[in-house]
Amino acid sequence: GRFRVEAKPTQRAEIHGAVKRRTLSRFDVAMVTLDANRVV
């Protein structure tokens, strides 16, 4: 869904990570890896 991701100023708008979707049982699951400053 809608979020805003903010990198740290020293990262120059770069994020190192991944977002992966899986289905477990009947649920959607997100596996979220990142090194952001914050997500809003």
PDB file of all heavy atoms in Angstrom:
ATOM      1  N   GLY A   1       0.822  -1.205   0.000  1.00  0.00           N
ATOM      2  CA  GLY A   1       0.000   0.000   0.000  1.00  0.00           C
ATOM      3  C   GLY A   1       0.857   1.256   0.000  1.00  0.00           C
ATOM      4  O   GLY A   1       2.084   1.194  -0.141  1.00  0.00           O
ATOM      5  N   ARG A   2       0.212   2.395   0.137  1.00  0.00           N
ATOM      6  CA  ARG A   2       0.917   3.677   0.025  1.00  0.00           C
ATOM      7  C   ARG A   2       1.761   3.974   1.256  1.00  0.00           C
ATOM      8  O   ARG A   2       1.249   4.060   2.369  1.00  0.00           O
ATOM      9  CB  ARG A   2      -0.077   4.820  -0.194  1.00  0.00           C
ATOM     10  CG  ARG A   2      -0.735   4.818  -1.563  1.00  0.00           C
ATOM     11  CD  ARG A   2      -1.671   6.002  -1.725  1.00  0.00           C
ATOM     12  NE  ARG A   2      -2.331   5.978  -3.010  1.00  0.00           N
ATOM     13  CZ  ARG A   2      -1.857   6.575  -4.107  1.00  0.00           C
ATOM     14  NH1 ARG A   2      -0.722   7.251  -4.030  1.00  0.00           N
ATOM     15  NH2 ARG A   2      -2.509   6.505  -5.239  1.00  0.00           N
ATOM     16  N   PHE A   3       3.052   4.147   1.020  1.00  0.00           N
ATOM     17  CA  PHE A   3       3.999   4.596   2.029  1.00  0.00           C
ATOM     18  C   PHE A   3       4.983   5.540   1.346  1.00  0.00           C
ATOM     19  O   PHE A   3       5.158   5.495   0.125  1.00  0.00           O
ATOM     20  CB  PHE A   3       4.775   3.419   2.640  1.00  0.00           C
ATOM     21  CG  PHE A   3       3.964   2.544   3.555  1.00  0.00           C
ATOM     22  CD1 PHE A   3       3.220   1.481   3.054  1.00  0.00           C
ATOM     23  CD2 PHE A   3       3.953   2.773   4.924  1.00  0.00           C
ATOM     24  CE1 PHE A   3       2.483   0.662   3.897  1.00  0.00           C
ATOM     25  CE2 PHE A   3       3.221   1.959   5.774  1.00  0.00           C
ATOM     26  CZ  PHE A   3       2.485   0.908   5.262  1.00  0.00           C
ATOM     27  N   ARG A   4       5.621   6.365   2.139  1.00  0.00           N
ATOM     28  CA  ARG A   4       6.711   7.190   1.638  1.00  0.00           C
ATOM     29  C   ARG A   4       8.003   6.726   2.294  1.00  0.00           C
ATOM     30  O   ARG A   4       8.093   6.659   3.522  1.00  0.00           O
ATOM     31  CB  ARG A   4       6.483   8.673   1.940  1.00  0.00           C
ATOM     32  CG  ARG A   4       7.598   9.572   1.403  1.00  0.00           C
ATOM     33  CD  ARG A   4       7.327  11.052   1.607  1.00  0.00           C
ATOM     34  NE  ARG A   4       7.321  11.433   3.012  1.00  0.00           N
ATOM     35  CZ  ARG A   4       6.219  11.622   3.737  1.00  0.00           C
ATOM     36  NH1 ARG A   4       5.034  11.437   3.191  1.00  0.00           N
ATOM     37  NH2 ARG A   4       6.288  11.976   5.008  1.00  0.00           N
ATOM     38  N   VAL A   5       8.997   6.406   1.483  1.00  0.00           N
ATOM     39  CA  VAL A   5      10.285   5.939   1.983  1.00  0.00           C
ATOM     40  C   VAL A   5      11.272   7.095   1.907  1.00  0.00           C
ATOM     41  O   VAL A   5      11.390   7.754   0.875  1.00  0.00           O
ATOM     42  CB  VAL A   5      10.802   4.746   1.159  1.00  0.00           C
ATOM     43  CG1 VAL A   5      12.139   4.254   1.699  1.00  0.00           C
ATOM     44  CG2 VAL A   5       9.773   3.609   1.157  1.00  0.00           C
ATOM     45  N   GLU A   6      11.984   7.323   2.992  1.00  0.00           N
ATOM     46  CA  GLU A   6      12.968   8.399   3.046  1.00  0.00           C
ATOM     47  C   GLU A   6      14.349   7.811   3.330  1.00  0.00           C
ATOM     48  O   GLU A   6      14.552   7.148   4.355  1.00  0.00           O
ATOM     49  CB  GLU A   6      12.619   9.416   4.130  1.00  0.00           C
ATOM     50  CG  GLU A   6      11.318  10.156   3.875  1.00  0.00           C
ATOM     51  CD  GLU A   6      11.019  11.163   4.958  1.00  0.00           C
ATOM     52  OE1 GLU A   6      11.844  11.304   5.898  1.00  0.00           O
ATOM     53  OE2 GLU A   6       9.965  11.813   4.876  1.00  0.00           O
ATOM     54  N   ALA A   7      15.293   8.058   2.419  1.00  0.00           N
ATOM     55  CA  ALA A   7      16.677   7.661   2.649  1.00  0.00           C
ATOM     56  C   ALA A   7      17.357   8.690   3.543  1.00  0.00           C
ATOM     57  O   ALA A   7      16.921   9.841   3.636  1.00  0.00           O
ATOM     58  CB  ALA A   7      17.418   7.549   1.315  1.00  0.00           C
ATOM     59  N   LYS A   8      18.418   8.275   4.211  1.00  0.00           N
ATOM     60  CA  LYS A   8      19.206   9.241   4.977  1.00  0.00           C
ATOM     61  C   LYS A   8      19.915  10.181   3.999  1.00  0.00           C
ATOM     62  O   LYS A   8      20.258   9.781   2.880  1.00  0.00           O
ATOM     63  CB  LYS A   8      20.241   8.524   5.844  1.00  0.00           C
ATOM     64  CG  LYS A   8      19.635   7.743   6.992  1.00  0.00           C
ATOM     65  CD  LYS A   8      20.696   7.243   7.942  1.00  0.00           C
ATOM     66  CE  LYS A   8      21.268   8.388   8.771  1.00  0.00           C
ATOM     67  NZ  LYS A   8      22.214   7.902   9.810  1.00  0.00           N
ATOM     68  N   PRO A   9      20.125  11.442   4.390  1.00  0.00           N
ATOM     69  CA  PRO A   9      20.788  12.386   3.478  1.00  0.00           C
ATOM     70  C   PRO A   9      22.120  11.861   2.948  1.00  0.00           C
ATOM     71  O   PRO A   9      22.481  12.108   1.800  1.00  0.00           O
ATOM     72  CB  PRO A   9      20.978  13.626   4.359  1.00  0.00           C
ATOM     73  CG  PRO A   9      19.887  13.544   5.375  1.00  0.00           C
ATOM     74  CD  PRO A   9      19.714  12.078   5.646  1.00  0.00           C
ATOM     75  N   THR A  10      22.853  11.121   3.759  1.00  0.00           N
ATOM     76  CA  THR A  10      24.154  10.605   3.330  1.00  0.00           C
ATOM     77  C   THR A  10      24.038   9.474   2.316  1.00  0.00           C
ATOM     78  O   THR A  10      25.027   9.071   1.709  1.00  0.00           O
ATOM     79  CB  THR A  10      24.943  10.094   4.546  1.00  0.00           C
ATOM     80  OG1 THR A  10      24.153   9.122   5.247  1.00  0.00           O
ATOM     81  CG2 THR A  10      25.282  11.236   5.491  1.00  0.00           C
ATOM     82  N   GLN A  11      22.808   8.947   2.130  1.00  0.00           N
ATOM     83  CA  GLN A  11      22.629   7.834   1.194  1.00  0.00           C
ATOM     84  C   GLN A  11      22.348   8.305  -0.233  1.00  0.00           C
ATOM     85  O   GLN A  11      22.224   7.487  -1.141  1.00  0.00           O
ATOM     86  CB  GLN A  11      21.475   6.930   1.667  1.00  0.00           C
ATOM     87  CG  GLN A  11      21.795   6.163   2.939  1.00  0.00           C
ATOM     88  CD  GLN A  11      20.578   5.447   3.490  1.00  0.00           C
ATOM     89  OE1 GLN A  11      19.543   6.069   3.751  1.00  0.00           O
ATOM     90  NE2 GLN A  11      20.696   4.148   3.692  1.00  0.00           N
ATOM     91  N   ARG A  12      22.190   9.602  -0.420  1.00  0.00           N
ATOM     92  CA  ARG A  12      21.951  10.154  -1.753  1.00  0.00           C
ATOM     93  C   ARG A  12      20.777   9.492  -2.459  1.00  0.00           C
ATOM     94  O   ARG A  12      20.865   9.070  -3.608  1.00  0.00           O
ATOM     95  CB  ARG A  12      23.213  10.053  -2.614  1.00  0.00           C
ATOM     96  CG  ARG A  12      24.396  10.835  -2.042  1.00  0.00           C
ATOM     97  CD  ARG A  12      25.608  10.755  -2.948  1.00  0.00           C
ATOM     98  NE  ARG A  12      26.723  11.505  -2.402  1.00  0.00           N
ATOM     99  CZ  ARG A  12      27.921  11.605  -2.975  1.00  0.00           C
ATOM    100  NH1 ARG A  12      28.145  10.964  -4.116  1.00  0.00           N
ATOM    101  NH2 ARG A  12      28.871  12.312  -2.399  1.00  0.00           N
ATOM    102  N   ALA A  13      19.677   9.369  -1.733  1.00  0.00           N
ATOM    103  CA  ALA A  13      18.423   8.822  -2.277  1.00  0.00           C
ATOM    104  C   ALA A  13      18.547   7.368  -2.726  1.00  0.00           C
ATOM    105  O   ALA A  13      17.760   6.900  -3.548  1.00  0.00           O
ATOM    106  CB  ALA A  13      17.899   9.680  -3.430  1.00  0.00           C
ATOM    107  N   GLU A  14      19.503   6.633  -2.174  1.00  0.00           N
ATOM    108  CA  GLU A  14      19.670   5.227  -2.505  1.00  0.00           C
ATOM    109  C   GLU A  14      19.226   4.355  -1.331  1.00  0.00           C
ATOM    110  O   GLU A  14      19.492   4.660  -0.174  1.00  0.00           O
ATOM    111  CB  GLU A  14      21.130   4.914  -2.838  1.00  0.00           C
ATOM    112  CG  GLU A  14      21.619   5.530  -4.136  1.00  0.00           C
ATOM    113  CD  GLU A  14      20.976   4.888  -5.359  1.00  0.00           C
ATOM    114  OE1 GLU A  14      20.837   3.650  -5.362  1.00  0.00           O
ATOM    115  OE2 GLU A  14      20.616   5.622  -6.297  1.00  0.00           O
ATOM    116  N   ILE A  15      18.545   3.265  -1.649  1.00  0.00           N
ATOM    117  CA  ILE A  15      18.138   2.269  -0.663  1.00  0.00           C
ATOM    118  C   ILE A  15      18.758   0.941  -1.057  1.00  0.00           C
ATOM    119  O   ILE A  15      18.707   0.530  -2.226  1.00  0.00           O
ATOM    120  CB  ILE A  15      16.598   2.120  -0.611  1.00  0.00           C
ATOM    121  CG1 ILE A  15      15.932   3.424  -0.196  1.00  0.00           C
ATOM    122  CG2 ILE A  15      16.199   0.979   0.330  1.00  0.00           C
ATOM    123  CD1 ILE A  15      16.213   3.833   1.231  1.00  0.00           C
ATOM    124  N   HIS A  16      19.351   0.259  -0.100  1.00  0.00           N
ATOM    125  CA  HIS A  16      19.865  -1.080  -0.349  1.00  0.00           C
ATOM    126  C   HIS A  16      18.908  -2.069   0.321  1.00  0.00           C
ATOM    127  O   HIS A  16      18.744  -2.051   1.543  1.00  0.00           O
ATOM    128  CB  HIS A  16      21.271  -1.251   0.233  1.00  0.00           C
ATOM    129  CG  HIS A  16      21.879  -2.585  -0.069  1.00  0.00           C
ATOM    130  ND1 HIS A  16      22.319  -2.941  -1.332  1.00  0.00           N
ATOM    131  CD2 HIS A  16      22.092  -3.667   0.725  1.00  0.00           C
ATOM    132  CE1 HIS A  16      22.793  -4.168  -1.299  1.00  0.00           C
ATOM    133  NE2 HIS A  16      22.670  -4.643  -0.066  1.00  0.00           N
ATOM    134  N   GLY A  17      18.256  -2.899  -0.477  1.00  0.00           N
ATOM    135  CA  GLY A  17      17.289  -3.822   0.112  1.00  0.00           C
ATOM    136  C   GLY A  17      16.463  -4.534  -0.937  1.00  0.00           C
ATOM    137  O   GLY A  17      16.847  -4.629  -2.107  1.00  0.00           O
ATOM    138  N   ALA A  18      15.319  -5.011  -0.519  1.00  0.00           N
ATOM    139  CA  ALA A  18      14.409  -5.733  -1.410  1.00  0.00           C
ATOM    140  C   ALA A  18      13.041  -5.814  -0.751  1.00  0.00           C
ATOM    141  O   ALA A  18      12.925  -5.761   0.474  1.00  0.00           O
ATOM    142  CB  ALA A  18      14.937  -7.134  -1.717  1.00  0.00           C
ATOM    143  N   VAL A  19      12.012  -5.944  -1.584  1.00  0.00           N
ATOM    144  CA  VAL A  19      10.655  -6.198  -1.107  1.00  0.00           C
ATOM    145  C   VAL A  19      10.153  -7.426  -1.852  1.00  0.00           C
ATOM    146  O   VAL A  19      10.126  -7.453  -3.087  1.00  0.00           O
ATOM    147  CB  VAL A  19       9.704  -5.016  -1.375  1.00  0.00           C
ATOM    148  CG1 VAL A  19       8.331  -5.292  -0.754  1.00  0.00           C
ATOM    149  CG2 VAL A  19      10.283  -3.714  -0.838  1.00  0.00           C
ATOM    150  N   LYS A  20       9.798  -8.458  -1.106  1.00  0.00           N
ATOM    151  CA  LYS A  20       9.378  -9.713  -1.718  1.00  0.00           C
ATOM    152  C   LYS A  20       8.004 -10.113  -1.204  1.00  0.00           C
ATOM    153  O   LYS A  20       7.728 -10.008  -0.009  1.00  0.00           O
ATOM    154  CB  LYS A  20      10.390 -10.821  -1.388  1.00  0.00           C
ATOM    155  CG  LYS A  20      10.043 -12.183  -1.975  1.00  0.00           C
ATOM    156  CD  LYS A  20      11.086 -13.228  -1.575  1.00  0.00           C
ATOM    157  CE  LYS A  20      10.717 -14.607  -2.109  1.00  0.00           C
ATOM    158  NZ  LYS A  20      11.696 -15.626  -1.683  1.00  0.00           N
ATOM    159  N   ARG A  21       7.148 -10.548  -2.089  1.00  0.00           N
ATOM    160  CA  ARG A  21       5.811 -11.002  -1.702  1.00  0.00           C
ATOM    161  C   ARG A  21       5.761 -12.518  -1.692  1.00  0.00           C
ATOM    162  O   ARG A  21       6.302 -13.186  -2.567  1.00  0.00           O
ATOM    163  CB  ARG A  21       4.757 -10.466  -2.672  1.00  0.00           C
ATOM    164  CG  ARG A  21       3.376 -11.091  -2.475  1.00  0.00           C
ATOM    165  CD  ARG A  21       2.394 -10.596  -3.516  1.00  0.00           C
ATOM    166  NE  ARG A  21       1.817  -9.331  -3.151  1.00  0.00           N
ATOM    167  CZ  ARG A  21       1.258  -8.487  -4.019  1.00  0.00           C
ATOM    168  NH1 ARG A  21       1.268  -8.772  -5.305  1.00  0.00           N
ATOM    169  NH2 ARG A  21       0.722  -7.366  -3.603  1.00  0.00           N
ATOM    170  N   ARG A  22       5.097 -13.055  -0.661  1.00  0.00           N
ATOM    171  CA  ARG A  22       4.817 -14.475  -0.585  1.00  0.00           C
ATOM    172  C   ARG A  22       3.372 -14.666  -0.142  1.00  0.00           C
ATOM    173  O   ARG A  22       2.755 -13.743   0.397  1.00  0.00           O
ATOM    174  CB  ARG A  22       5.741 -15.169   0.420  1.00  0.00           C
ATOM    175  CG  ARG A  22       7.180 -15.273  -0.005  1.00  0.00           C
ATOM    176  CD  ARG A  22       8.002 -16.059   0.990  1.00  0.00           C
ATOM    177  NE  ARG A  22       7.558 -17.453   1.106  1.00  0.00           N
ATOM    178  CZ  ARG A  22       8.174 -18.360   1.849  1.00  0.00           C
ATOM    179  NH1 ARG A  22       9.251 -18.016   2.557  1.00  0.00           N
ATOM    180  NH2 ARG A  22       7.729 -19.603   1.914  1.00  0.00           N
ATOM    181  N   THR A  23       2.853 -15.852  -0.362  1.00  0.00           N
ATOM    182  CA  THR A  23       1.553 -16.233   0.179  1.00  0.00           C
ATOM    183  C   THR A  23       1.792 -17.381   1.143  1.00  0.00           C
ATOM    184  O   THR A  23       2.355 -18.416   0.769  1.00  0.00           O
ATOM    185  CB  THR A  23       0.579 -16.672  -0.928  1.00  0.00           C
ATOM    186  OG1 THR A  23       0.375 -15.589  -1.826  1.00  0.00           O
ATOM    187  CG2 THR A  23      -0.754 -17.080  -0.323  1.00  0.00           C
ATOM    188  N   LEU A  24       1.407 -17.167   2.394  1.00  0.00           N
ATOM    189  CA  LEU A  24       1.533 -18.200   3.418  1.00  0.00           C
ATOM    190  C   LEU A  24       0.154 -18.501   3.952  1.00  0.00           C
ATOM    191  O   LEU A  24      -0.540 -17.608   4.433  1.00  0.00           O
ATOM    192  CB  LEU A  24       2.445 -17.736   4.555  1.00  0.00           C
ATOM    193  CG  LEU A  24       3.910 -17.464   4.188  1.00  0.00           C
ATOM    194  CD1 LEU A  24       4.667 -16.977   5.409  1.00  0.00           C
ATOM    195  CD2 LEU A  24       4.574 -18.710   3.617  1.00  0.00           C
ATOM    196  N   SER A  25      -0.252 -19.768   3.842  1.00  0.00           N
ATOM    197  CA  SER A  25      -1.619 -20.139   4.163  1.00  0.00           C
ATOM    198  C   SER A  25      -2.530 -19.281   3.286  1.00  0.00           C
ATOM    199  O   SER A  25      -2.363 -19.246   2.083  1.00  0.00           O
ATOM    200  CB  SER A  25      -1.882 -19.948   5.663  1.00  0.00           C
ATOM    201  OG  SER A  25      -3.169 -20.398   6.021  1.00  0.00           O
ATOM    202  N   ARG A  26      -3.427 -18.514   3.865  1.00  0.00           N
ATOM    203  CA  ARG A  26      -4.299 -17.651   3.061  1.00  0.00           C
ATOM    204  C   ARG A  26      -3.906 -16.191   3.135  1.00  0.00           C
ATOM    205  O   ARG A  26      -4.651 -15.310   2.686  1.00  0.00           O
ATOM    206  CB  ARG A  26      -5.764 -17.806   3.519  1.00  0.00           C
ATOM    207  CG  ARG A  26      -5.996 -17.461   4.984  1.00  0.00           C
ATOM    208  CD  ARG A  26      -7.410 -17.846   5.396  1.00  0.00           C
ATOM    209  NE  ARG A  26      -7.674 -17.659   6.806  1.00  0.00           N
ATOM    210  CZ  ARG A  26      -8.195 -16.575   7.341  1.00  0.00           C
ATOM    211  NH1 ARG A  26      -8.497 -15.551   6.573  1.00  0.00           N
ATOM    212  NH2 ARG A  26      -8.423 -16.499   8.636  1.00  0.00           N
ATOM    213  N   PHE A  27      -2.727 -15.898   3.677  1.00  0.00           N
ATOM    214  CA  PHE A  27      -2.337 -14.510   3.920  1.00  0.00           C
ATOM    215  C   PHE A  27      -1.249 -14.052   2.949  1.00  0.00           C
ATOM    216  O   PHE A  27      -0.299 -14.797   2.665  1.00  0.00           O
ATOM    217  CB  PHE A  27      -1.814 -14.352   5.353  1.00  0.00           C
ATOM    218  CG  PHE A  27      -2.781 -14.823   6.397  1.00  0.00           C
ATOM    219  CD1 PHE A  27      -2.462 -15.901   7.215  1.00  0.00           C
ATOM    220  CD2 PHE A  27      -4.006 -14.210   6.552  1.00  0.00           C
ATOM    221  CE1 PHE A  27      -3.344 -16.343   8.179  1.00  0.00           C
ATOM    222  CE2 PHE A  27      -4.907 -14.648   7.512  1.00  0.00           C
ATOM    223  CZ  PHE A  27      -4.579 -15.720   8.327  1.00  0.00           C
ATOM    224  N   ASP A  28      -1.399 -12.813   2.461  1.00  0.00           N
ATOM    225  CA  ASP A  28      -0.298 -12.178   1.755  1.00  0.00           C
ATOM    226  C   ASP A  28       0.763 -11.790   2.777  1.00  0.00           C
ATOM    227  O   ASP A  28       0.448 -11.320   3.873  1.00  0.00           O
ATOM    228  CB  ASP A  28      -0.772 -10.922   1.017  1.00  0.00           C
ATOM    229  CG  ASP A  28      -1.558 -11.246  -0.236  1.00  0.00           C
ATOM    230  OD1 ASP A  28      -1.347 -12.333  -0.794  1.00  0.00           O
ATOM    231  OD2 ASP A  28      -2.383 -10.409  -0.651  1.00  0.00           O
ATOM    232  N   VAL A  29       2.001 -11.996   2.410  1.00  0.00           N
ATOM    233  CA  VAL A  29       3.113 -11.698   3.309  1.00  0.00           C
ATOM    234  C   VAL A  29       4.145 -10.882   2.547  1.00  0.00           C
ATOM    235  O   VAL A  29       4.491 -11.209   1.410  1.00  0.00           O
ATOM    236  CB  VAL A  29       3.767 -12.991   3.841  1.00  0.00           C
ATOM    237  CG1 VAL A  29       4.986 -12.666   4.705  1.00  0.00           C
ATOM    238  CG2 VAL A  29       2.755 -13.805   4.633  1.00  0.00           C
ATOM    239  N   ALA A  30       4.618  -9.817   3.164  1.00  0.00           N
ATOM    240  CA  ALA A  30       5.694  -9.012   2.592  1.00  0.00           C
ATOM    241  C   ALA A  30       6.956  -9.232   3.409  1.00  0.00           C
ATOM    242  O   ALA A  30       6.926  -9.190   4.637  1.00  0.00           O
ATOM    243  CB  ALA A  30       5.316  -7.528   2.593  1.00  0.00           C
ATOM    244  N   MET A  31       8.073  -9.485   2.715  1.00  0.00           N
ATOM    245  CA  MET A  31       9.377  -9.555   3.348  1.00  0.00           C
ATOM    246  C   MET A  31      10.133  -8.306   2.921  1.00  0.00           C
ATOM    247  O   MET A  31      10.464  -8.144   1.753  1.00  0.00           O
ATOM    248  CB  MET A  31      10.111 -10.824   2.943  1.00  0.00           C
ATOM    249  CG  MET A  31       9.402 -12.076   3.410  1.00  0.00           C
ATOM    250  SD  MET A  31      10.338 -13.559   2.996  1.00  0.00           S
ATOM    251  CE  MET A  31       9.341 -14.799   3.843  1.00  0.00           C
ATOM    252  N   VAL A  32      10.365  -7.426   3.872  1.00  0.00           N
ATOM    253  CA  VAL A  32      10.869  -6.089   3.570  1.00  0.00           C
ATOM    254  C   VAL A  32      12.249  -5.909   4.193  1.00  0.00           C
ATOM    255  O   VAL A  32      12.397  -5.965   5.417  1.00  0.00           O
ATOM    256  CB  VAL A  32       9.909  -5.006   4.115  1.00  0.00           C
ATOM    257  CG1 VAL A  32      10.429  -3.617   3.789  1.00  0.00           C
ATOM    258  CG2 VAL A  32       8.500  -5.198   3.536  1.00  0.00           C
ATOM    259  N   THR A  33      13.241  -5.707   3.349  1.00  0.00           N
ATOM    260  CA  THR A  33      14.595  -5.420   3.805  1.00  0.00           C
ATOM    261  C   THR A  33      15.000  -4.052   3.279  1.00  0.00           C
ATOM    262  O   THR A  33      14.793  -3.754   2.093  1.00  0.00           O
ATOM    263  CB  THR A  33      15.587  -6.485   3.310  1.00  0.00           C
ATOM    264  OG1 THR A  33      15.220  -7.752   3.847  1.00  0.00           O
ATOM    265  CG2 THR A  33      17.002  -6.162   3.739  1.00  0.00           C
ATOM    266  N   LEU A  34      15.586  -3.217   4.132  1.00  0.00           N
ATOM    267  CA  LEU A  34      15.966  -1.867   3.728  1.00  0.00           C
ATOM    268  C   LEU A  34      16.921  -1.259   4.740  1.00  0.00           C
ATOM    269  O   LEU A  34      17.095  -1.770   5.848  1.00  0.00           O
ATOM    270  CB  LEU A  34      14.728  -0.975   3.564  1.00  0.00           C
ATOM    271  CG  LEU A  34      14.017  -0.450   4.819  1.00  0.00           C
ATOM    272  CD1 LEU A  34      12.947   0.571   4.423  1.00  0.00           C
ATOM    273  CD2 LEU A  34      13.393  -1.538   5.655  1.00  0.00           C
ATOM    274  N   ASP A  35      17.538  -0.147   4.331  1.00  0.00           N
ATOM    275  CA  ASP A  35      18.386   0.627   5.234  1.00  0.00           C
ATOM    276  C   ASP A  35      17.992   2.103   5.171  1.00  0.00           C
ATOM    277  O   ASP A  35      18.839   2.990   5.162  1.00  0.00           O
ATOM    278  CB  ASP A  35      19.872   0.437   4.885  1.00  0.00           C
ATOM    279  CG  ASP A  35      20.196   0.866   3.458  1.00  0.00           C
ATOM    280  OD1 ASP A  35      19.271   1.228   2.698  1.00  0.00           O
ATOM    281  OD2 ASP A  35      21.390   0.844   3.092  1.00  0.00           O
ATOM    282  N   ALA A  36      16.685   2.353   5.146  1.00  0.00           N
ATOM    283  CA  ALA A  36      16.161   3.716   5.029  1.00  0.00           C
ATOM    284  C   ALA A  36      16.290   4.477   6.342  1.00  0.00           C
ATOM    285  O   ALA A  36      16.585   3.902   7.400  1.00  0.00           O
ATOM    286  CB  ALA A  36      14.694   3.667   4.606  1.00  0.00           C
ATOM    287  N   ASN A  37      16.048   5.778   6.268  1.00  0.00           N
ATOM    288  CA  ASN A  37      15.934   6.572   7.487  1.00  0.00           C
ATOM    289  C   ASN A  37      14.589   6.303   8.139  1.00  0.00           C
ATOM    290  O   ASN A  37      14.520   5.956   9.311  1.00  0.00           O
ATOM    291  CB  ASN A  37      16.073   8.066   7.161  1.00  0.00           C
ATOM    292  CG  ASN A  37      16.020   8.931   8.418  1.00  0.00           C
ATOM    293  OD1 ASN A  37      16.548   8.555   9.452  1.00  0.00           O
ATOM    294  ND2 ASN A  37      15.364  10.072   8.324  1.00  0.00           N
ATOM    295  N   ARG A  38      13.516   6.406   7.361  1.00  0.00           N
ATOM    296  CA  ARG A  38      12.186   6.117   7.888  1.00  0.00           C
ATOM    297  C   ARG A  38      11.223   5.852   6.749  1.00  0.00           C
ATOM    298  O   ARG A  38      11.475   6.181   5.588  1.00  0.00           O
ATOM    299  CB  ARG A  38      11.669   7.253   8.770  1.00  0.00           C
ATOM    300  CG  ARG A  38      11.439   8.567   8.045  1.00  0.00           C
ATOM    301  CD  ARG A  38      10.862   9.620   8.989  1.00  0.00           C
ATOM    302  NE  ARG A  38      10.515  10.829   8.244  1.00  0.00           N
ATOM    303  CZ  ARG A  38       9.480  11.601   8.508  1.00  0.00           C
ATOM    304  NH1 ARG A  38       8.664  11.316   9.494  1.00  0.00           N
ATOM    305  NH2 ARG A  38       9.241  12.684   7.789  1.00  0.00           N
ATOM    306  N   VAL A  39      10.076   5.236   7.104  1.00  0.00           N
ATOM    307  CA  VAL A  39       8.973   4.985   6.179  1.00  0.00           C
ATOM    308  C   VAL A  39       7.715   5.529   6.837  1.00  0.00           C
ATOM    309  O   VAL A  39       7.446   5.246   8.006  1.00  0.00           O
ATOM    310  CB  VAL A  39       8.826   3.475   5.873  1.00  0.00           C
ATOM    311  CG1 VAL A  39       7.601   3.226   5.010  1.00  0.00           C
ATOM    312  CG2 VAL A  39      10.083   2.941   5.194  1.00  0.00           C
ATOM    313  N   VAL A  40       6.946   6.319   6.079  1.00  0.00           N
ATOM    314  CA  VAL A  40       5.801   7.035   6.638  1.00  0.00           C
ATOM    315  C   VAL A  40       4.525   6.677   5.891  1.00  0.00           C
ATOM    316  O   VAL A  40       4.526   6.518   4.668  1.00  0.00           O
ATOM    317  CB  VAL A  40       6.027   8.565   6.561  1.00  0.00           C
ATOM    318  CG1 VAL A  40       4.797   9.330   7.043  1.00  0.00           C
ATOM    319  CG2 VAL A  40       7.242   8.964   7.382  1.00  0.00           C
TER     320      VAL A  40
END
